[in-house]
Amino acid sequence: MDSGRDERRSMAAYIAKHGRIRPSHAVRNDASLSASIVDLIASGGWDALTISGVAANAGLTHGAVYDRHKNKSALGVDAWHDSLFRPLTDVLDQVLNAALGAQPNETADERFLPAMRAFVDPTTEIRAAIELVMGSQFDPVLRAAVFDGLAEWLGSRCLPYDGDRSRAAGASSVVALALGFVLLSRRPWVDEMDIGPGLRRIFVALRNPSEARILPADTADFLRTSPFDTGDPRLDDVLDRTIASIGSVGYRQTRVADIAKASGVSEGFIFSRYKTKLDLFLAVIDFMHAQGYQRLGEFIERIAREVGPGAAEAVAWREYLSPGATTRVVFLETQRLVSYNERMRAITDPVEQGLLESMVAGTPDIGRAEVIGHVHLEFASGHGLPLLGVLLPSAWELPYDVFTEPFVTSSPLA
């Protein structure tokens, strides 16, 4: 982060609030504290952030931190307003303007690729901003400032306030992909991929939208129903209740005691099978992750036989965005936490790496780096759409086939 810029921001904010100049040492401490908060959120996640950890990282006393932030929620709100909201919305503005405001002869490489690379390889501020947005869902104070604040901003840029639903679908597609890129930015294959050809496909598809049509009403039941069949109905119910709890209050606030009570079993029943809450969540992830990719592929393939691959992709997008996708928040919590938890990555990375390697093997006439880039792009949509769906609940009603038809048709992996 730019410490000089942070000091200037801190000084300007203080003058605006108090009508006088803040002492220079206090301004430096403010800037150090702000940088420390952002770095810790980006590197360790929101759940692991503590007031004492922030103080130690910033080289300040606990009292100095508490004088500025009375609790963790207040700290997050201040970090959002002081350091994160503007950088995030600035790069979102840039990519939306580059995607939807391109001149007739403009190429993807002029503005769109550089703008989207801000999400493919995000700065510390952008990583921290997305982590805070996702972590704020279950904290009423934080949600009002962070989650709802970004949702309002996105609604003003993506929803069809002017009646142009096709343009709104294009804008929402760009945002979903951008969010997905940030969530995937720490995957082990990112350093060897060539994302350029895939980004150019996005740009061309946005410039050449298809006509919206009526899509099949098929629903993706795997996003709505229990994936568990352990042979023990009591254990299946425990796992279902775990999904329900995480979807309602998030992983951090989920309590095994509450799950046991709701399931009508003892805590001992659960702990005899899963030693910790994390082990219980890992079991849920293990069931859902590989199975989710398999069922998604089967769903798209079945729809594609009726209406073609581009329209089938749009149906899948609609389903990931649908309010009926009850497992969506659990998926988002997995993606939020996986960057900071090696045991989660031990489940998710091999599944995704296996899918990626199978695509590389199936397209020997295309360079490995380019194939990885195209697969990464497909992963990005699947990861970004659920987040867009919780931020903009009405986005699922948009005609995404105007984008997915030309986009899927141009894929060299088809």
Foldseek 3Di string as FASTA:
>chain_A
DDLVVLLVLQQVVCCVVPVDGDDSVLSSLSSLLLVLVLLCCLQANLVPDALVSSCVSSVHDSVSSCVVAVGSLSVLLCSCVRPAVVVQVVLLVQQLCCQQVDDPPDACVPRNVVSLVCLLQPDSSHSSLLRQLLVQPQPVSSCVRRLLVVLVVLCVVQPPPVVPLLSSLLSLLSQLLSSLSNLCNPFPCSVLADQVVLSRLLSVLSVQFDDFDDADPDALCLLFDQLDDPVDVLVSQLLVLLLVQCLRRNLVPDDLCVSCVVSVHHSCVVCVPAVDSVSSLLVSCLSCQLVVVVSLVVQQVVRCVPVHNLSSVLNVLLNLLAPSSSNLSSLLSLSSCVSNDVSSCVRRNVSLVVVQVVLCVVCVVDDSNHSSSNSSSVSSSVNSSNVSSVSHVVSSPGRNSSRSVSSVVPDPSD
